Amino acid sequence: MRTHIAALLALMVATGCAVGSGAVVKGVGPDDLLKLREGPGLNHNIIIGLPDGTRLTRQNCVTNNGKVWCRVSLTDRPAISGYVSADYLAHR
């Protein structure tokens, strides 16, 4: 059991999914926005679009249909939170 927990924590840190870590939106492109969603998946409503460079605080990450989604809040406006694809998050 301890081995599984240690492996999971190592994976979370390696993929940047450590709780409370800082992240920035990266790779969306100049004419697009990363969708902040109400839940972890494309079937959830969009709360707001986030451009490249948006600073976020990562809470936790989950896998849904083979894709990693992270619960985040806006660093400058923590009351705004939701889920984004981990594919578009970079460490800051």
PDB file of N, CA and C in Angstrom:
ATOM      1  N   MET A   1       0.825  -1.198   0.000  1.00  0.00           N
ATOM      2  CA  MET A   1       0.000   0.000   0.000  1.00  0.00           C
ATOM      3  C   MET A   1       0.864   1.254   0.000  1.00  0.00           C
ATOM      4  N   ARG A   2       1.895   1.285   0.872  1.00  0.00           N
ATOM      5  CA  ARG A   2       2.773   2.459   0.923  1.00  0.00           C
ATOM      6  C   ARG A   2       3.476   2.678  -0.411  1.00  0.00           C
ATOM      7  N   THR A   3       3.845   1.579  -1.069  1.00  0.00           N
ATOM      8  CA  THR A   3       4.514   1.679  -2.357  1.00  0.00           C
ATOM      9  C   THR A   3       3.600   2.344  -3.372  1.00  0.00           C
ATOM     10  N   HIS A   4       2.325   1.979  -3.358  1.00  0.00           N
ATOM     11  CA  HIS A   4       1.362   2.567  -4.294  1.00  0.00           C
ATOM     12  C   HIS A   4       1.165   4.056  -4.023  1.00  0.00           C
ATOM     13  N   ILE A   5       1.085   4.426  -2.769  1.00  0.00           N
ATOM     14  CA  ILE A   5       0.909   5.833  -2.412  1.00  0.00           C
ATOM     15  C   ILE A   5       2.144   6.634  -2.805  1.00  0.00           C
ATOM     16  N   ALA A   6       3.318   6.110  -2.535  1.00  0.00           N
ATOM     17  CA  ALA A   6       4.559   6.798  -2.901  1.00  0.00           C
ATOM     18  C   ALA A   6       4.658   6.959  -4.416  1.00  0.00           C
ATOM     19  N   ALA A   7       4.292   5.916  -5.154  1.00  0.00           N
ATOM     20  CA  ALA A   7       4.336   5.987  -6.614  1.00  0.00           C
ATOM     21  C   ALA A   7       3.347   7.016  -7.140  1.00  0.00           C
ATOM     22  N   LEU A   8       2.162   7.074  -6.554  1.00  0.00           N
ATOM     23  CA  LEU A   8       1.151   8.051  -6.966  1.00  0.00           C
ATOM     24  C   LEU A   8       1.624   9.465  -6.693  1.00  0.00           C
ATOM     25  N   LEU A   9       2.198   9.702  -5.517  1.00  0.00           N
ATOM     26  CA  LEU A   9       2.708  11.039  -5.191  1.00  0.00           C
ATOM     27  C   LEU A   9       3.841  11.432  -6.122  1.00  0.00           C
ATOM     28  N   ALA A  10       4.728  10.511  -6.432  1.00  0.00           N
ATOM     29  CA  ALA A  10       5.828  10.793  -7.354  1.00  0.00           C
ATOM     30  C   ALA A  10       5.294  11.144  -8.739  1.00  0.00           C
ATOM     31  N   LEU A  11       4.277  10.434  -9.187  1.00  0.00           N
ATOM     32  CA  LEU A  11       3.664  10.717 -10.480  1.00  0.00           C
ATOM     33  C   LEU A  11       3.004  12.085 -10.479  1.00  0.00           C
ATOM     34  N   MET A  12       2.312  12.421  -9.400  1.00  0.00           N
ATOM     35  CA  MET A  12       1.645  13.724  -9.312  1.00  0.00           C
ATOM     36  C   MET A  12       2.657  14.860  -9.356  1.00  0.00           C
ATOM     37  N   VAL A  13       3.757  14.713  -8.667  1.00  0.00           N
ATOM     38  CA  VAL A  13       4.783  15.759  -8.678  1.00  0.00           C
ATOM     39  C   VAL A  13       5.431  15.835 -10.051  1.00  0.00           C
ATOM     40  N   ALA A  14       5.719  14.694 -10.649  1.00  0.00           N
ATOM     41  CA  ALA A  14       6.370  14.665 -11.957  1.00  0.00           C
ATOM     42  C   ALA A  14       5.492  15.274 -13.038  1.00  0.00           C
ATOM     43  N   THR A  15       4.187  15.099 -12.929  1.00  0.00           N
ATOM     44  CA  THR A  15       3.282  15.648 -13.935  1.00  0.00           C
ATOM     45  C   THR A  15       2.797  17.034 -13.570  1.00  0.00           C
ATOM     46  N   GLY A  16       3.270  17.571 -12.452  1.00  0.00           N
ATOM     47  CA  GLY A  16       2.888  18.921 -12.072  1.00  0.00           C
ATOM     48  C   GLY A  16       1.545  18.999 -11.399  1.00  0.00           C
ATOM     49  N   CYS A  17       1.068  17.916 -10.849  1.00  0.00           N
ATOM     50  CA  CYS A  17      -0.252  17.901 -10.237  1.00  0.00           C
ATOM     51  C   CYS A  17      -0.197  17.984  -8.724  1.00  0.00           C
ATOM     52  N   ALA A  18       0.856  18.544  -8.183  1.00  0.00           N
ATOM     53  CA  ALA A  18       0.945  18.700  -6.737  1.00  0.00           C
ATOM     54  C   ALA A  18      -0.064  19.750  -6.279  1.00  0.00           C
ATOM     55  N   VAL A  19      -0.784  19.440  -5.228  1.00  0.00           N
ATOM     56  CA  VAL A  19      -1.812  20.333  -4.713  1.00  0.00           C
ATOM     57  C   VAL A  19      -1.184  21.656  -4.281  1.00  0.00           C
ATOM     58  N   GLY A  20      -1.821  22.755  -4.706  1.00  0.00           N
ATOM     59  CA  GLY A  20      -1.374  24.083  -4.315  1.00  0.00           C
ATOM     60  C   GLY A  20      -0.226  24.620  -5.142  1.00  0.00           C
ATOM     61  N   SER A  21       0.199  23.889  -6.166  1.00  0.00           N
ATOM     62  CA  SER A  21       1.316  24.355  -6.974  1.00  0.00           C
ATOM     63  C   SER A  21       0.857  25.408  -7.983  1.00  0.00           C
ATOM     64  N   GLY A  22       1.780  26.253  -8.373  1.00  0.00           N
ATOM     65  CA  GLY A  22       1.486  27.292  -9.338  1.00  0.00           C
ATOM     66  C   GLY A  22       1.593  26.749 -10.749  1.00  0.00           C
ATOM     67  N   ALA A  23       0.735  27.241 -11.619  1.00  0.00           N
ATOM     68  CA  ALA A  23       0.745  26.827 -13.019  1.00  0.00           C
ATOM     69  C   ALA A  23       0.410  28.034 -13.878  1.00  0.00           C
ATOM     70  N   VAL A  24       0.714  27.907 -15.146  1.00  0.00           N
ATOM     71  CA  VAL A  24       0.381  28.949 -16.106  1.00  0.00           C
ATOM     72  C   VAL A  24      -0.165  28.270 -17.364  1.00  0.00           C
ATOM     73  N   VAL A  25      -1.156  28.907 -17.993  1.00  0.00           N
ATOM     74  CA  VAL A  25      -1.723  28.380 -19.230  1.00  0.00           C
ATOM     75  C   VAL A  25      -0.687  28.553 -20.340  1.00  0.00           C
ATOM     76  N   LYS A  26      -0.408  27.456 -21.067  1.00  0.00           N
ATOM     77  CA  LYS A  26       0.600  27.502 -22.116  1.00  0.00           C
ATOM     78  C   LYS A  26       0.214  26.578 -23.264  1.00  0.00           C
ATOM     79  N   GLY A  27       0.381  27.074 -24.494  1.00  0.00           N
ATOM     80  CA  GLY A  27       0.172  26.241 -25.667  1.00  0.00           C
ATOM     81  C   GLY A  27      -1.203  26.336 -26.288  1.00  0.00           C
ATOM     82  N   VAL A  28      -2.019  27.270 -25.819  1.00  0.00           N
ATOM     83  CA  VAL A  28      -3.369  27.405 -26.368  1.00  0.00           C
ATOM     84  C   VAL A  28      -3.322  28.042 -27.753  1.00  0.00           C
ATOM     85  N   GLY A  29      -2.447  29.007 -27.927  1.00  0.00           N
ATOM     86  CA  GLY A  29      -2.335  29.705 -29.205  1.00  0.00           C
ATOM     87  C   GLY A  29      -2.881  31.108 -29.112  1.00  0.00           C
ATOM     88  N   PRO A  30      -2.441  31.973 -30.027  1.00  0.00           N
ATOM     89  CA  PRO A  30      -2.798  33.393 -29.951  1.00  0.00           C
ATOM     90  C   PRO A  30      -4.273  33.699 -30.206  1.00  0.00           C
ATOM     91  N   ASP A  31      -4.965  32.833 -30.926  1.00  0.00           N
ATOM     92  CA  ASP A  31      -6.356  33.104 -31.277  1.00  0.00           C
ATOM     93  C   ASP A  31      -7.333  32.149 -30.612  1.00  0.00           C
ATOM     94  N   ASP A  32      -6.919  31.557 -29.486  1.00  0.00           N
ATOM     95  CA  ASP A  32      -7.789  30.595 -28.818  1.00  0.00           C
ATOM     96  C   ASP A  32      -7.698  30.788 -27.308  1.00  0.00           C
ATOM     97  N   LEU A  33      -8.592  30.144 -26.588  1.00  0.00           N
ATOM     98  CA  LEU A  33      -8.638  30.216 -25.127  1.00  0.00           C
ATOM     99  C   LEU A  33      -8.779  28.809 -24.563  1.00  0.00           C
ATOM    100  N   LEU A  34      -8.153  28.562 -23.411  1.00  0.00           N
ATOM    101  CA  LEU A  34      -8.335  27.314 -22.686  1.00  0.00           C
ATOM    102  C   LEU A  34      -9.634  27.415 -21.910  1.00  0.00           C
ATOM    103  N   LYS A  35     -10.499  26.439 -22.071  1.00  0.00           N
ATOM    104  CA  LYS A  35     -11.799  26.472 -21.405  1.00  0.00           C
ATOM    105  C   LYS A  35     -11.689  25.993 -19.961  1.00  0.00           C
ATOM    106  N   LEU A  36     -12.094  26.856 -19.032  1.00  0.00           N
ATOM    107  CA  LEU A  36     -12.228  26.488 -17.619  1.00  0.00           C
ATOM    108  C   LEU A  36     -13.635  25.923 -17.489  1.00  0.00           C
ATOM    109  N   ARG A  37     -13.734  24.662 -17.080  1.00  0.00           N
ATOM    110  CA  ARG A  37     -15.030  23.963 -17.061  1.00  0.00           C
ATOM    111  C   ARG A  37     -15.494  23.661 -15.640  1.00  0.00           C
ATOM    112  N   GLU A  38     -16.793  23.416 -15.508  1.00  0.00           N
ATOM    113  CA  GLU A  38     -17.387  23.119 -14.201  1.00  0.00           C
ATOM    114  C   GLU A  38     -16.954  21.760 -13.661  1.00  0.00           C
ATOM    115  N   GLY A  39     -16.562  20.857 -14.524  1.00  0.00           N
ATOM    116  CA  GLY A  39     -16.151  19.516 -14.116  1.00  0.00           C
ATOM    117  C   GLY A  39     -15.057  18.998 -15.025  1.00  0.00           C
ATOM    118  N   PRO A  40     -14.503  17.831 -14.705  1.00  0.00           N
ATOM    119  CA  PRO A  40     -13.380  17.282 -15.453  1.00  0.00           C
ATOM    120  C   PRO A  40     -13.796  16.524 -16.714  1.00  0.00           C
ATOM    121  N   GLY A  41     -14.011  17.241 -17.790  1.00  0.00           N
ATOM    122  CA  GLY A  41     -14.378  16.607 -19.052  1.00  0.00           C
ATOM    123  C   GLY A  41     -15.016  17.596 -20.017  1.00  0.00           C
ATOM    124  N   LEU A  42     -14.997  17.237 -21.297  1.00  0.00           N
ATOM    125  CA  LEU A  42     -15.542  18.117 -22.327  1.00  0.00           C
ATOM    126  C   LEU A  42     -17.059  18.273 -22.244  1.00  0.00           C
ATOM    127  N   ASN A  43     -17.724  17.376 -21.536  1.00  0.00           N
ATOM    128  CA  ASN A  43     -19.179  17.433 -21.429  1.00  0.00           C
ATOM    129  C   ASN A  43     -19.661  18.432 -20.371  1.00  0.00           C
ATOM    130  N   HIS A  44     -18.747  19.063 -19.649  1.00  0.00           N
ATOM    131  CA  HIS A  44     -19.118  20.026 -18.608  1.00  0.00           C
ATOM    132  C   HIS A  44     -19.166  21.443 -19.168  1.00  0.00           C
ATOM    133  N   ASN A  45     -20.026  22.265 -18.587  1.00  0.00           N
ATOM    134  CA  ASN A  45     -20.191  23.646 -19.040  1.00  0.00           C
ATOM    135  C   ASN A  45     -18.910  24.452 -18.889  1.00  0.00           C
ATOM    136  N   ILE A  46     -18.724  25.388 -19.816  1.00  0.00           N
ATOM    137  CA  ILE A  46     -17.574  26.294 -19.786  1.00  0.00           C
ATOM    138  C   ILE A  46     -17.888  27.462 -18.868  1.00  0.00           C
ATOM    139  N   ILE A  47     -16.970  27.759 -17.949  1.00  0.00           N
ATOM    140  CA  ILE A  47     -17.115  28.898 -17.039  1.00  0.00           C
ATOM    141  C   ILE A  47     -16.549  30.148 -17.681  1.00  0.00           C
ATOM    142  N   ILE A  48     -15.330  30.031 -18.236  1.00  0.00           N
ATOM    143  CA  ILE A  48     -14.630  31.173 -18.818  1.00  0.00           C
ATOM    144  C   ILE A  48     -13.500  30.643 -19.699  1.00  0.00           C
ATOM    145  N   GLY A  49     -13.052  31.448 -20.641  1.00  0.00           N
ATOM    146  CA  GLY A  49     -11.898  31.109 -21.467  1.00  0.00           C
ATOM    147  C   GLY A  49     -10.651  31.786 -20.917  1.00  0.00           C
ATOM    148  N   LEU A  50      -9.528  31.077 -20.926  1.00  0.00           N
ATOM    149  CA  LEU A  50      -8.284  31.584 -20.360  1.00  0.00           C
ATOM    150  C   LEU A  50      -7.209  31.671 -21.442  1.00  0.00           C
ATOM    151  N   PRO A  51      -6.617  32.839 -21.647  1.00  0.00           N
ATOM    152  CA  PRO A  51      -5.551  32.968 -22.646  1.00  0.00           C
ATOM    153  C   PRO A  51      -4.218  32.432 -22.123  1.00  0.00           C
ATOM    154  N   ASP A  52      -3.291  32.191 -23.032  1.00  0.00           N
ATOM    155  CA  ASP A  52      -1.922  31.830 -22.644  1.00  0.00           C
ATOM    156  C   ASP A  52      -1.399  32.850 -21.648  1.00  0.00           C
ATOM    157  N   GLY A  53      -0.671  32.374 -20.661  1.00  0.00           N
ATOM    158  CA  GLY A  53      -0.074  33.252 -19.669  1.00  0.00           C
ATOM    159  C   GLY A  53      -0.907  33.450 -18.415  1.00  0.00           C
ATOM    160  N   THR A  54      -2.156  32.976 -18.410  1.00  0.00           N
ATOM    161  CA  THR A  54      -3.007  33.111 -17.227  1.00  0.00           C
ATOM    162  C   THR A  54      -2.396  32.313 -16.079  1.00  0.00           C
ATOM    163  N   ARG A  55      -2.215  32.961 -14.935  1.00  0.00           N
ATOM    164  CA  ARG A  55      -1.634  32.311 -13.758  1.00  0.00           C
ATOM    165  C   ARG A  55      -2.725  31.600 -12.960  1.00  0.00           C
ATOM    166  N   LEU A  56      -2.463  30.341 -12.611  1.00  0.00           N
ATOM    167  CA  LEU A  56      -3.431  29.496 -11.915  1.00  0.00           C
ATOM    168  C   LEU A  56      -2.787  28.854 -10.689  1.00  0.00           C
ATOM    169  N   THR A  57      -3.636  28.460  -9.743  1.00  0.00           N
ATOM    170  CA  THR A  57      -3.210  27.632  -8.621  1.00  0.00           C
ATOM    171  C   THR A  57      -3.874  26.276  -8.805  1.00  0.00           C
ATOM    172  N   ARG A  58      -3.058  25.241  -8.905  1.00  0.00           N
ATOM    173  CA  ARG A  58      -3.545  23.884  -9.143  1.00  0.00           C
ATOM    174  C   ARG A  58      -3.965  23.254  -7.821  1.00  0.00           C
ATOM    175  N   GLN A  59      -5.121  22.607  -7.800  1.00  0.00           N
ATOM    176  CA  GLN A  59      -5.609  21.938  -6.595  1.00  0.00           C
ATOM    177  C   GLN A  59      -5.350  20.432  -6.663  1.00  0.00           C
ATOM    178  N   ASN A  60      -6.009  19.741  -7.545  1.00  0.00           N
ATOM    179  CA  ASN A  60      -5.805  18.304  -7.711  1.00  0.00           C
ATOM    180  C   ASN A  60      -6.115  17.929  -9.145  1.00  0.00           C
ATOM    181  N   CYS A  61      -5.629  16.771  -9.562  1.00  0.00           N
ATOM    182  CA  CYS A  61      -5.853  16.311 -10.926  1.00  0.00           C
ATOM    183  C   CYS A  61      -6.532  14.943 -10.900  1.00  0.00           C
ATOM    184  N   VAL A  62      -7.358  14.711 -11.905  1.00  0.00           N
ATOM    185  CA  VAL A  62      -8.057  13.434 -12.050  1.00  0.00           C
ATOM    186  C   VAL A  62      -7.969  13.009 -13.517  1.00  0.00           C
ATOM    187  N   THR A  63      -8.135  11.717 -13.736  1.00  0.00           N
ATOM    188  CA  THR A  63      -8.165  11.211 -15.106  1.00  0.00           C
ATOM    189  C   THR A  63      -9.600  10.873 -15.463  1.00  0.00           C
ATOM    190  N   ASN A  64     -10.025  11.349 -16.625  1.00  0.00           N
ATOM    191  CA  ASN A  64     -11.371  11.106 -17.120  1.00  0.00           C
ATOM    192  C   ASN A  64     -11.249  10.721 -18.590  1.00  0.00           C
ATOM    193  N   ASN A  65     -11.651   9.503 -18.930  1.00  0.00           N
ATOM    194  CA  ASN A  65     -11.567   9.001 -20.302  1.00  0.00           C
ATOM    195  C   ASN A  65     -10.148   9.110 -20.862  1.00  0.00           C
ATOM    196  N   GLY A  66      -9.151   8.803 -20.040  1.00  0.00           N
ATOM    197  CA  GLY A  66      -7.774   8.799 -20.483  1.00  0.00           C
ATOM    198  C   GLY A  66      -7.113  10.164 -20.564  1.00  0.00           C
ATOM    199  N   LYS A  67      -7.806  11.211 -20.165  1.00  0.00           N
ATOM    200  CA  LYS A  67      -7.265  12.572 -20.208  1.00  0.00           C
ATOM    201  C   LYS A  67      -7.173  13.115 -18.785  1.00  0.00           C
ATOM    202  N   VAL A  68      -6.076  13.818 -18.489  1.00  0.00           N
ATOM    203  CA  VAL A  68      -5.879  14.374 -17.152  1.00  0.00           C
ATOM    204  C   VAL A  68      -6.474  15.778 -17.096  1.00  0.00           C
ATOM    205  N   TRP A  69      -7.305  15.993 -16.081  1.00  0.00           N
ATOM    206  CA  TRP A  69      -7.940  17.286 -15.825  1.00  0.00           C
ATOM    207  C   TRP A  69      -7.533  17.760 -14.437  1.00  0.00           C
ATOM    208  N   CYS A  70      -7.198  19.027 -14.322  1.00  0.00           N
ATOM    209  CA  CYS A  70      -6.788  19.579 -13.035  1.00  0.00           C
ATOM    210  C   CYS A  70      -7.782  20.619 -12.555  1.00  0.00           C
ATOM    211  N   ARG A  71      -8.125  20.526 -11.277  1.00  0.00           N
ATOM    212  CA  ARG A  71      -8.949  21.566 -10.646  1.00  0.00           C
ATOM    213  C   ARG A  71      -8.006  22.718 -10.341  1.00  0.00           C
ATOM    214  N   VAL A  72      -8.372  23.902 -10.795  1.00  0.00           N
ATOM    215  CA  VAL A  72      -7.526  25.085 -10.635  1.00  0.00           C
ATOM    216  C   VAL A  72      -8.384  26.265 -10.208  1.00  0.00           C
ATOM    217  N   SER A  73      -7.712  27.287  -9.693  1.00  0.00           N
ATOM    218  CA  SER A  73      -8.361  28.576  -9.454  1.00  0.00           C
ATOM    219  C   SER A  73      -7.447  29.645 -10.028  1.00  0.00           C
ATOM    220  N   LEU A  74      -8.030  30.761 -10.403  1.00  0.00           N
ATOM    221  CA  LEU A  74      -7.227  31.870 -10.901  1.00  0.00           C
ATOM    222  C   LEU A  74      -6.429  32.437  -9.741  1.00  0.00           C
ATOM    223  N   THR A  75      -5.139  32.617  -9.940  1.00  0.00           N
ATOM    224  CA  THR A  75      -4.278  33.118  -8.878  1.00  0.00           C
ATOM    225  C   THR A  75      -4.736  34.492  -8.411  1.00  0.00           C
ATOM    226  N   ASP A  76      -5.108  35.358  -9.350  1.00  0.00           N
ATOM    227  CA  ASP A  76      -5.511  36.719  -9.014  1.00  0.00           C
ATOM    228  C   ASP A  76      -6.971  36.832  -8.587  1.00  0.00           C
ATOM    229  N   ARG A  77      -7.770  35.794  -8.852  1.00  0.00           N
ATOM    230  CA  ARG A  77      -9.188  35.782  -8.477  1.00  0.00           C
ATOM    231  C   ARG A  77      -9.568  34.379  -8.033  1.00  0.00           C
ATOM    232  N   PRO A  78      -9.137  33.969  -6.831  1.00  0.00           N
ATOM    233  CA  PRO A  78      -9.306  32.587  -6.368  1.00  0.00           C
ATOM    234  C   PRO A  78     -10.750  32.098  -6.288  1.00  0.00           C
ATOM    235  N   ALA A  79     -11.706  33.002  -6.275  1.00  0.00           N
ATOM    236  CA  ALA A  79     -13.109  32.575  -6.236  1.00  0.00           C
ATOM    237  C   ALA A  79     -13.532  31.937  -7.559  1.00  0.00           C
ATOM    238  N   ILE A  80     -12.773  32.189  -8.616  1.00  0.00           N
ATOM    239  CA  ILE A  80     -13.072  31.583  -9.915  1.00  0.00           C
ATOM    240  C   ILE A  80     -12.254  30.307 -10.028  1.00  0.00           C
ATOM    241  N   SER A  81     -12.963  29.168 -10.057  1.00  0.00           N
ATOM    242  CA  SER A  81     -12.278  27.882 -10.115  1.00  0.00           C
ATOM    243  C   SER A  81     -13.054  26.906 -10.971  1.00  0.00           C
ATOM    244  N   GLY A  82     -12.365  25.888 -11.421  1.00  0.00           N
ATOM    245  CA  GLY A  82     -12.965  24.854 -12.246  1.00  0.00           C
ATOM    246  C   GLY A  82     -11.881  23.896 -12.704  1.00  0.00           C
ATOM    247  N   TYR A  83     -12.134  23.209 -13.808  1.00  0.00           N
ATOM    248  CA  TYR A  83     -11.208  22.207 -14.327  1.00  0.00           C
ATOM    249  C   TYR A  83     -10.698  22.600 -15.708  1.00  0.00           C
ATOM    250  N   VAL A  84      -9.414  22.314 -15.950  1.00  0.00           N
ATOM    251  CA  VAL A  84      -8.811  22.521 -17.258  1.00  0.00           C
ATOM    252  C   VAL A  84      -8.007  21.274 -17.628  1.00  0.00           C
ATOM    253  N   SER A  85      -7.762  21.107 -18.907  1.00  0.00           N
ATOM    254  CA  SER A  85      -6.925  20.011 -19.368  1.00  0.00           C
ATOM    255  C   SER A  85      -5.487  20.255 -18.929  1.00  0.00           C
ATOM    256  N   ALA A  86      -4.857  19.230 -18.343  1.00  0.00           N
ATOM    257  CA  ALA A  86      -3.472  19.337 -17.886  1.00  0.00           C
ATOM    258  C   ALA A  86      -2.512  19.517 -19.068  1.00  0.00           C
ATOM    259  N   ASP A  87      -2.962  19.203 -20.281  1.00  0.00           N
ATOM    260  CA  ASP A  87      -2.113  19.354 -21.467  1.00  0.00           C
ATOM    261  C   ASP A  87      -1.688  20.799 -21.688  1.00  0.00           C
ATOM    262  N   TYR A  88      -2.432  21.741 -21.140  1.00  0.00           N
ATOM    263  CA  TYR A  88      -2.169  23.163 -21.375  1.00  0.00           C
ATOM    264  C   TYR A  88      -1.661  23.886 -20.123  1.00  0.00           C
ATOM    265  N   LEU A  89      -1.095  23.147 -19.186  1.00  0.00           N
ATOM    266  CA  LEU A  89      -0.551  23.749 -17.977  1.00  0.00           C
ATOM    267  C   LEU A  89       0.958  23.563 -17.932  1.00  0.00           C
ATOM    268  N   ALA A  90       1.641  24.614 -17.535  1.00  0.00           N
ATOM    269  CA  ALA A  90       3.092  24.562 -17.337  1.00  0.00           C
ATOM    270  C   ALA A  90       3.397  25.068 -15.934  1.00  0.00           C
ATOM    271  N   HIS A  91       4.515  24.628 -15.377  1.00  0.00           N
ATOM    272  CA  HIS A  91       4.938  25.106 -14.051  1.00  0.00           C
ATOM    273  C   HIS A  91       5.298  26.574 -14.150  1.00  0.00           C
ATOM    274  N   ARG A  92       5.095  27.277 -13.054  1.00  0.00           N
ATOM    275  CA  ARG A  92       5.587  28.670 -12.998  1.00  0.00           C
ATOM    276  C   ARG A  92       6.429  28.845 -11.775  1.00  0.00           C
TER     277      ARG A  92
END
